[in-house]
Protein backbone atom coordinates (compact mmCIF):
# COMPACT_ATOMS: atom_id res chain seq x y z
CA GLY A 1 150.85 84.71 83.83
CA ILE A 2 150.70 88.30 83.15
CA HIS A 3 148.05 89.38 80.49
CA SER A 4 148.39 92.22 78.62
CA PRO A 5 145.14 94.15 77.67
CA PRO A 6 143.80 94.18 74.77
CA ASN A 7 144.19 96.65 71.37
CA PRO A 8 141.52 99.26 71.67
CA GLN A 9 138.88 98.77 68.90
CA LEU A 10 139.74 102.06 67.16
CA VAL A 11 141.42 105.71 68.61
CA LEU A 12 140.30 108.81 67.94
CA THR A 13 142.00 111.61 68.39
CA ILE A 14 141.23 115.77 68.25
CA LEU A 15 143.96 117.57 66.84
CA PRO A 16 145.64 120.91 66.83
CA THR A 17 144.77 122.18 64.16
CA SER A 18 148.45 122.41 62.66
CA SER A 19 149.66 119.01 63.98
CA THR A 20 151.14 117.03 61.34
CA ASP A 21 153.95 115.58 63.15
CA ILE A 22 151.32 114.41 65.98
CA TYR A 23 149.55 112.61 63.18
CA HIS A 24 151.78 110.55 61.06
CA ALA A 25 153.00 109.39 64.74
CA ILE A 26 149.85 108.50 65.48
CA LYS A 27 149.10 106.64 62.28
CA LEU A 28 152.29 104.91 62.15
CA PHE A 29 152.11 103.77 65.96
CA GLY A 30 148.48 102.60 65.75
CA ASP A 31 148.02 101.45 61.89
CA VAL A 32 151.43 100.06 61.49
CA ILE A 33 152.79 99.19 64.43
CA ALA A 34 150.42 98.02 67.12
CA GLY A 35 147.49 97.41 64.93
CA PHE A 36 144.44 98.67 65.42
CA PRO A 37 142.78 101.36 63.54
CA THR A 38 142.61 105.70 64.34
CA GLN A 39 140.88 108.82 63.37
CA HIS A 40 141.35 112.10 63.86
CA VAL A 41 139.46 115.28 63.32
CA ARG A 42 141.30 118.58 63.91
CA GLU A 43 140.09 121.13 66.30
CA ASN A 44 139.57 123.73 63.78
CA LYS A 45 136.97 121.19 61.55
CA ILE A 46 134.94 120.17 64.94
CA GLU A 47 134.02 123.94 65.69
CA ARG A 48 132.55 124.52 62.57
CA ALA A 49 131.04 120.88 61.98
CA ASN A 50 127.92 120.69 59.91
CA ASP A 51 125.71 117.84 59.31
CA GLN A 52 127.87 116.54 56.35
CA TYR A 53 131.02 116.15 58.21
CA CYS A 54 129.27 114.45 60.94
CA ALA A 55 127.93 112.17 58.68
CA ASN A 56 131.29 111.32 56.28
CA LEU A 57 133.16 111.04 59.91
CA GLY A 58 130.88 108.34 61.13
CA MET A 59 130.86 106.53 57.58
CA LYS A 60 134.82 106.55 58.33
CA ILE A 61 134.85 105.27 61.55
CA ASN A 62 131.81 102.51 61.07
CA ALA A 63 134.21 101.49 57.97
CA LYS A 64 137.59 100.95 60.31
CA LEU A 65 135.31 98.97 62.74
CA GLY A 66 133.80 97.02 60.07
């Protein structure tokens, strides 16, 4: 038979600064419909990311991966 590929462990997106609709659509699909965790980063945050921001992002990703 045909086997479907497994869900990803995590989907990380880099979104435009003003992207509320895209954010909600990806969050709904990943977290609710398909059942995989998502983490989103806005492009304006990456441009000026400091150590604290990167550490916080890393902690969120680690928590979502278990």
